[in-house]
Amino acid sequence: MIWVMSSSYSPKVMEKKADKDHDTHYDGEKGGFLDKVKDFIQDIGEKIEDAVGFGKPTADVTGIHIPHISLEKVELIVDVLIANPNPVPIPLVDIEYLIESEGRKLMSGTIPDAGTIHAHGSETVKIPLLLIYDDIKSTYGDIKPGSIIPYKVGVVLHIDIPVIGRISIPLEKNGEIPVPYRPDVNVSKIKFEQFSFEEATATLHLNLDNKNEFDLGLNAMDYEIWLSNVSIASAELKESANIKKQEITTMNLPISFRPKDFGSAMWDMIRGKGTGYTIKGHIDVNTPFGHMKIPISKEGGTTRLKKGDDDDDDDDDDKVFVY
């Protein structure tokens, strides 16, 4: 008997077909073994997530405070309220922050290991920031002392959540900060109520030139005054006044001293030659941005003695004043 093989028979082709069927069965076409495993894992993960109630936390910048401000620096505290809907605590991996003004970076940084948010709870995370005015002014020459500049705080919270994984929550908050300027101080005149070489009592008229773009609410003031290198008065006053922005405010300060302590300097003032004065102290003020204690000083000023009827608004010719 003679067997006849068909020319279409090919063992190699059949072998390849079998291999293809094998691949398709496990991980090739849709419905393969690996796809079924993936679907199973995803389905289990979704059921676990639904069962235990895992979800993404929420966050919001609830406020920005200025606990301290001076002529050198401003401290900011950014309050971020974070709510955790999950049944387990979640860690804050780190916090990134950026402060910019009109698109220009003022400072940036990262706070690592920022803490943990309790399960099914909310917490306010306080982010402390510090701005040094010299750094700002050296970088941006057009930012003038006394001005108010807008700013934007950008915060990114990086959080690890079980099942879900790591997420990032970006936040922003806008506001304004001042670049404070120390008021210029000048003695406009010293008006005497009593004058003898043994004792003199007078009122010092002190001008405070507030060049800031915001008012200063005066609470108190301390000062010391020298005439011809001799201290004539020092005091601490509880004084309330509104030192308006971009204006000169005059403070009336009582003083008393003994003219004979000045020696020849007093004779120079009487003769109209003048003598130097210095004033140093502090003003305790409230601002729209917080409380400040600002130093005041003037060195190298000049005073001289004049009769009251020469240049004074008072009609009493017996009084004299120094300006």
Protein backbone atom coordinates (compact mmCIF):
# COMPACT_ATOMS: atom_id res chain seq x y z
CA MET A 1 0.00 0.00 0.00
CA ILE A 2 1.30 3.41 -0.90
CA TRP A 3 0.64 6.46 1.32
CA VAL A 4 0.33 9.82 -0.42
CA MET A 5 1.04 12.95 1.64
CA SER A 6 -0.70 16.14 0.74
CA SER A 7 1.58 18.98 -0.29
CA SER A 8 -0.29 21.28 2.09
CA TYR A 9 0.87 19.40 5.15
CA SER A 10 3.58 21.25 7.09
CA PRO A 11 4.68 20.16 10.61
CA LYS A 12 6.41 23.48 11.17
CA VAL A 13 3.26 25.45 10.53
CA MET A 14 1.32 23.30 12.93
CA GLU A 15 4.01 23.75 15.54
CA LYS A 16 3.85 27.51 15.22
CA LYS A 17 0.09 27.43 15.45
CA ALA A 18 0.31 25.43 18.63
CA ASP A 19 2.78 27.93 20.09
CA LYS A 20 0.49 30.79 19.13
CA ASP A 21 -2.42 29.11 20.81
CA HIS A 22 -0.31 28.59 23.90
CA ASP A 23 0.69 32.29 24.03
CA THR A 24 -2.84 33.46 23.50
CA HIS A 25 -4.10 31.27 26.26
CA TYR A 26 -1.73 32.74 28.88
CA ASP A 27 -0.90 36.34 28.09
CA GLY A 28 -1.43 37.33 24.49
CA GLU A 29 -4.92 38.25 23.33
CA LYS A 30 -7.71 39.58 25.52
CA GLY A 31 -8.87 36.97 27.97
CA GLY A 32 -5.38 35.54 28.52
CA PHE A 33 -4.17 34.30 31.89
CA LEU A 34 -2.16 37.44 32.85
CA ASP A 35 -5.06 39.70 31.92
CA LYS A 36 -7.34 37.70 34.16
CA VAL A 37 -4.84 38.00 37.01
CA LYS A 38 -4.58 41.76 36.50
CA ASP A 39 -8.34 42.13 36.41
CA PHE A 40 -8.63 40.05 39.57
CA ILE A 41 -6.04 42.17 41.43
CA GLN A 42 -7.67 45.42 40.31
CA ASP A 43 -11.10 44.16 41.31
CA ILE A 44 -9.85 43.08 44.74
CA GLY A 45 -8.09 46.45 45.20
CA GLU A 46 -11.26 48.36 44.37
CA LYS A 47 -13.28 46.22 46.76
CA ILE A 48 -10.73 46.76 49.53
CA GLU A 49 -10.74 50.51 48.88
CA ASP A 50 -14.53 50.58 48.98
CA ALA A 51 -14.63 48.46 52.11
CA VAL A 52 -12.18 50.42 54.21
CA GLY A 53 -13.13 53.83 52.82
CA PHE A 54 -9.74 55.11 51.65
CA GLY A 55 -9.90 58.48 50.00
CA LYS A 56 -7.81 61.52 49.17
CA PRO A 57 -7.36 64.12 51.91
CA THR A 58 -8.30 67.74 51.38
CA ALA A 59 -6.33 70.84 52.30
CA ASP A 60 -6.81 74.61 52.38
CA VAL A 61 -4.76 77.65 53.38
CA THR A 62 -6.90 79.14 56.14
CA GLY A 63 -4.71 82.12 57.00
CA ILE A 64 -1.34 83.82 57.01
CA HIS A 65 -0.11 85.56 60.17
CA ILE A 66 2.80 87.90 60.87
CA PRO A 67 3.95 87.12 64.45
CA HIS A 68 6.99 89.38 64.17
CA ILE A 69 8.01 92.25 61.95
CA SER A 70 10.96 94.63 62.19
CA LEU A 71 13.08 96.80 59.96
CA GLU A 72 15.28 93.79 59.20
CA LYS A 73 12.88 90.90 58.65
CA VAL A 74 9.31 89.64 58.63
CA GLU A 75 8.18 86.28 59.96
CA LEU A 76 5.16 84.61 58.36
CA ILE A 77 3.11 81.65 59.59
CA VAL A 78 1.02 79.88 56.93
CA ASP A 79 -1.89 77.88 58.39
CA VAL A 80 -2.83 74.85 56.27
CA LEU A 81 -5.91 72.86 57.35
CA ILE A 82 -5.66 69.20 56.25
CA ALA A 83 -8.59 66.76 56.56
CA ASN A 84 -7.95 62.99 56.54
CA PRO A 85 -11.06 60.88 55.68
CA ASN A 86 -9.19 57.57 56.08
CA PRO A 87 -9.35 55.10 58.99
CA VAL A 88 -5.59 55.18 59.44
CA PRO A 89 -3.13 58.06 60.04
CA ILE A 90 -1.40 59.40 56.97
CA PRO A 91 2.13 60.83 56.95
CA LEU A 92 3.12 64.14 55.40
CA VAL A 93 6.26 63.14 53.51
CA ASP A 94 7.36 66.73 52.96
CA ILE A 95 6.10 70.22 52.22
CA GLU A 96 7.44 72.42 49.44
CA TYR A 97 6.91 76.18 49.61
CA LEU A 98 7.55 79.18 47.40
CA ILE A 99 6.98 82.89 48.00
CA GLU A 100 7.01 85.18 44.99
CA SER A 101 6.07 88.77 44.27
CA GLU A 102 4.76 89.66 40.83
CA GLY A 103 6.42 86.58 39.35
CA ARG A 104 9.76 87.10 41.12
CA LYS A 105 10.89 84.51 43.64
CA LEU A 106 11.52 85.82 47.14
CA MET A 107 12.28 82.48 48.80
CA SER A 108 11.65 78.74 48.51
CA GLY A 109 12.41 75.57 50.41
CA THR A 110 11.28 72.15 51.64
CA ILE A 111 10.16 70.97 55.07
CA PRO A 112 10.84 67.19 55.36
CA ASP A 113 8.91 64.77 57.59
CA ALA A 114 6.24 67.34 58.36
CA GLY A 115 4.19 65.11 60.68
CA THR A 116 1.16 62.84 60.61
CA ILE A 117 -2.55 63.56 60.16
CA HIS A 118 -4.75 61.50 62.51
CA ALA A 119 -7.32 59.06 61.20
CA HIS A 120 -10.74 60.55 60.44
CA GLY A 121 -9.51 63.91 61.66
CA SER A 122 -8.22 67.29 60.61
CA GLU A 123 -5.23 69.29 61.73
CA THR A 124 -3.79 72.72 61.06
CA VAL A 125 -0.18 72.50 59.97
CA LYS A 126 1.75 75.71 60.61
CA ILE A 127 4.48 76.50 58.09
CA PRO A 128 6.99 79.10 59.37
CA LEU A 129 8.60 81.35 56.77
CA LEU A 130 11.19 84.11 57.14
CA LEU A 131 11.89 86.99 54.75
CA ILE A 132 15.06 89.06 55.18
CA TYR A 133 14.58 92.55 53.74
CA ASP A 134 18.23 93.04 52.81
CA ASP A 135 18.06 89.93 50.63
CA ILE A 136 14.93 91.21 48.91
CA LYS A 137 16.28 94.73 48.34
CA SER A 138 19.65 93.49 47.08
CA THR A 139 17.94 91.18 44.58
CA TYR A 140 15.18 93.56 43.46
CA GLY A 141 16.41 97.14 43.44
CA ASP A 142 13.03 98.60 42.54
CA ILE A 143 11.45 97.48 45.83
CA LYS A 144 11.67 100.66 47.89
CA PRO A 145 11.76 100.90 51.69
CA GLY A 146 8.37 101.93 53.01
CA SER A 147 6.45 100.24 50.21
CA ILE A 148 3.81 97.50 50.34
CA ILE A 149 4.41 94.61 47.95
CA PRO A 150 1.99 91.85 46.88
CA TYR A 151 3.02 88.26 47.38
CA LYS A 152 1.82 84.75 46.59
CA VAL A 153 2.57 81.76 48.77
CA GLY A 154 2.61 78.43 46.93
CA VAL A 155 2.54 75.24 49.01
CA VAL A 156 2.69 71.63 47.79
CA LEU A 157 1.84 68.85 50.27
CA HIS A 158 3.28 65.41 49.50
CA ILE A 159 1.29 62.69 51.27
CA ASP A 160 1.55 58.89 51.39
CA ILE A 161 -1.85 57.15 51.48
CA PRO A 162 -2.24 53.37 51.88
CA VAL A 163 -3.65 51.60 48.78
CA ILE A 164 -3.79 54.88 46.82
CA GLY A 165 -0.08 55.74 47.12
CA ARG A 166 1.65 59.10 47.13
CA ILE A 167 -0.29 62.19 46.11
CA SER A 168 0.56 65.89 45.90
CA ILE A 169 -1.83 68.70 46.84
CA PRO A 170 -0.91 72.18 45.51
CA LEU A 171 -2.21 75.27 47.33
CA GLU A 172 -1.91 79.04 46.85
CA LYS A 173 -2.65 82.16 48.89
CA ASN A 174 -2.20 85.84 48.03
CA GLY A 175 -1.50 88.74 50.36
CA GLU A 176 0.57 91.85 51.03
CA ILE A 177 3.64 92.50 53.13
CA PRO A 178 5.36 95.81 53.94
CA VAL A 179 9.00 96.74 53.54
CA PRO A 180 9.13 99.04 56.60
CA TYR A 181 11.08 102.28 56.67
CA ARG A 182 12.29 103.94 59.85
CA PRO A 183 10.70 107.40 60.25
CA ASP A 184 13.04 110.36 60.00
CA VAL A 185 13.23 112.37 63.20
CA ASN A 186 14.09 116.03 63.64
CA VAL A 187 13.88 118.57 66.48
CA SER A 188 11.93 121.50 65.08
CA LYS A 189 12.25 123.62 68.23
CA ILE A 190 12.63 123.57 71.99
CA LYS A 191 10.27 126.02 73.65
CA PHE A 192 11.19 127.08 77.19
CA GLU A 193 8.65 127.62 79.95
CA GLN A 194 11.34 128.46 82.49
CA PHE A 195 14.97 129.35 81.89
CA SER A 196 17.83 130.10 84.27
CA PHE A 197 21.36 128.80 84.52
CA GLU A 198 20.26 126.63 87.47
CA GLU A 199 17.20 125.09 85.86
CA ALA A 200 15.36 125.07 82.58
CA THR A 201 12.05 123.41 81.70
CA ALA A 202 10.86 123.24 78.13
CA THR A 203 8.82 121.37 75.54
CA LEU A 204 10.69 119.72 72.72
CA HIS A 205 8.87 119.69 69.39
CA LEU A 206 9.88 116.50 67.66
CA ASN A 207 8.93 115.86 64.02
CA LEU A 208 8.40 112.29 62.88
CA ASP A 209 8.42 111.93 59.10
CA ASN A 210 6.58 108.71 58.23
CA LYS A 211 7.67 107.76 54.71
CA ASN A 212 5.87 104.41 54.80
CA GLU A 213 2.82 103.70 52.68
CA PHE A 214 0.87 102.81 55.81
CA ASP A 215 -0.08 104.56 59.07
CA LEU A 216 1.73 103.97 62.34
CA GLY A 217 -0.45 103.88 65.47
CA LEU A 218 1.76 105.14 68.29
CA ASN A 219 1.40 103.37 71.66
CA ALA A 220 4.52 104.47 73.54
CA MET A 221 7.86 106.14 73.09
CA ASP A 222 11.23 106.23 74.82
CA TYR A 223 13.93 108.77 74.06
CA GLU A 224 17.14 110.41 75.20
CA ILE A 225 18.34 113.83 74.05
CA TRP A 226 21.81 115.32 74.05
CA LEU A 227 22.77 118.98 73.56
CA SER A 228 26.45 119.54 72.92
CA ASN A 229 27.20 115.95 74.05
CA VAL A 230 25.41 116.56 77.38
CA SER A 231 22.35 114.40 78.07
CA ILE A 232 19.51 116.77 78.96
CA ALA A 233 16.54 114.40 79.09
CA SER A 234 15.45 110.78 78.89
CA ALA A 235 11.96 109.43 79.39
CA GLU A 236 9.43 106.75 78.55
CA LEU A 237 6.00 107.98 77.53
CA LYS A 238 2.69 106.23 77.02
CA GLU A 239 1.50 108.30 74.12
CA SER A 240 -1.32 107.63 71.68
CA ALA A 241 -1.18 109.22 68.26
CA ASN A 242 -1.73 108.35 64.63
CA ILE A 243 1.40 108.94 62.59
CA LYS A 244 -0.12 109.19 59.12
CA LYS A 245 1.54 107.72 56.07
CA GLN A 246 3.62 110.07 53.94
CA GLU A 247 3.15 112.88 56.48
CA ILE A 248 5.08 114.64 59.25
CA THR A 249 3.64 114.37 62.76
CA THR A 250 4.88 116.59 65.61
CA MET A 251 5.29 115.16 69.09
CA ASN A 252 5.59 117.49 72.12
CA LEU A 253 8.03 116.08 74.67
CA PRO A 254 8.62 117.66 78.11
CA ILE A 255 12.27 118.12 79.15
CA SER A 256 14.17 119.74 82.01
CA PHE A 257 17.90 120.28 82.52
CA ARG A 258 20.51 122.55 84.12
CA PRO A 259 21.97 124.97 81.55
CA LYS A 260 25.09 125.54 83.66
CA ASP A 261 26.16 121.94 82.90
CA PHE A 262 26.78 122.98 79.29
CA GLY A 263 29.59 125.42 80.06
CA SER A 264 30.66 127.43 77.03
CA ALA A 265 28.21 125.56 74.78
CA MET A 266 25.31 127.40 76.41
CA TRP A 267 26.99 130.77 75.78
CA ASP A 268 27.41 129.74 72.13
CA MET A 269 23.65 129.08 71.88
CA ILE A 270 22.86 132.42 73.57
CA ARG A 271 25.13 134.23 71.12
CA GLY A 272 23.35 132.49 68.23
CA LYS A 273 26.30 130.29 67.23
CA GLY A 274 24.30 127.10 67.71
CA THR A 275 25.21 123.72 69.12
CA GLY A 276 24.73 120.16 68.06
CA TYR A 277 22.00 117.85 69.28
CA THR A 278 21.38 114.10 69.19
CA ILE A 279 18.20 112.18 69.88
CA LYS A 280 17.84 108.40 70.12
CA GLY A 281 14.99 106.17 71.16
CA HIS A 282 12.18 103.89 70.00
CA ILE A 283 8.56 104.20 69.05
CA ASP A 284 6.15 101.39 69.85
CA VAL A 285 3.54 101.27 67.07
CA ASN A 286 0.75 99.20 65.57
CA THR A 287 0.64 98.70 61.81
CA PRO A 288 -1.87 96.98 59.50
CA PHE A 289 0.62 94.09 59.49
CA GLY A 290 1.28 93.78 63.21
CA HIS A 291 3.08 95.33 66.13
CA MET A 292 6.52 96.94 65.67
CA LYS A 293 9.11 98.62 67.84
CA ILE A 294 11.04 100.98 65.58
CA PRO A 295 14.28 102.75 66.52
CA ILE A 296 14.51 106.50 65.91
CA SER A 297 17.67 108.57 65.88
CA LYS A 298 19.14 111.83 64.67
CA GLU A 299 22.75 112.86 65.05
CA GLY A 300 24.42 116.02 63.83
CA GLY A 301 21.42 118.29 64.20
CA THR A 302 22.03 121.95 65.09
CA THR A 303 20.15 124.19 67.53
CA ARG A 304 20.46 127.87 68.48
CA LEU A 305 18.71 130.24 70.84
CA LYS A 306 16.36 132.97 69.61
CA LYS A 307 14.02 135.48 71.20
CA GLY A 308 10.37 134.43 71.08
CA ASP A 309 9.27 137.54 69.18
CA ASP A 310 11.72 136.85 66.33
CA ASP A 311 10.23 133.67 64.93
CA ASP A 312 7.64 132.26 67.33
CA ASP A 313 3.87 132.23 66.97
CA ASP A 314 3.50 133.02 70.68
CA ASP A 315 2.99 136.64 71.69
CA ASP A 316 4.88 136.25 74.97
CA ASP A 317 8.23 137.99 74.36
CA ASP A 318 9.71 136.72 77.58
CA LYS A 319 9.82 133.13 76.23
CA VAL A 320 12.66 131.90 74.13
CA PHE A 321 13.04 128.76 72.08
CA VAL A 322 15.73 126.77 70.37
CA TYR A 323 15.14 125.36 66.89
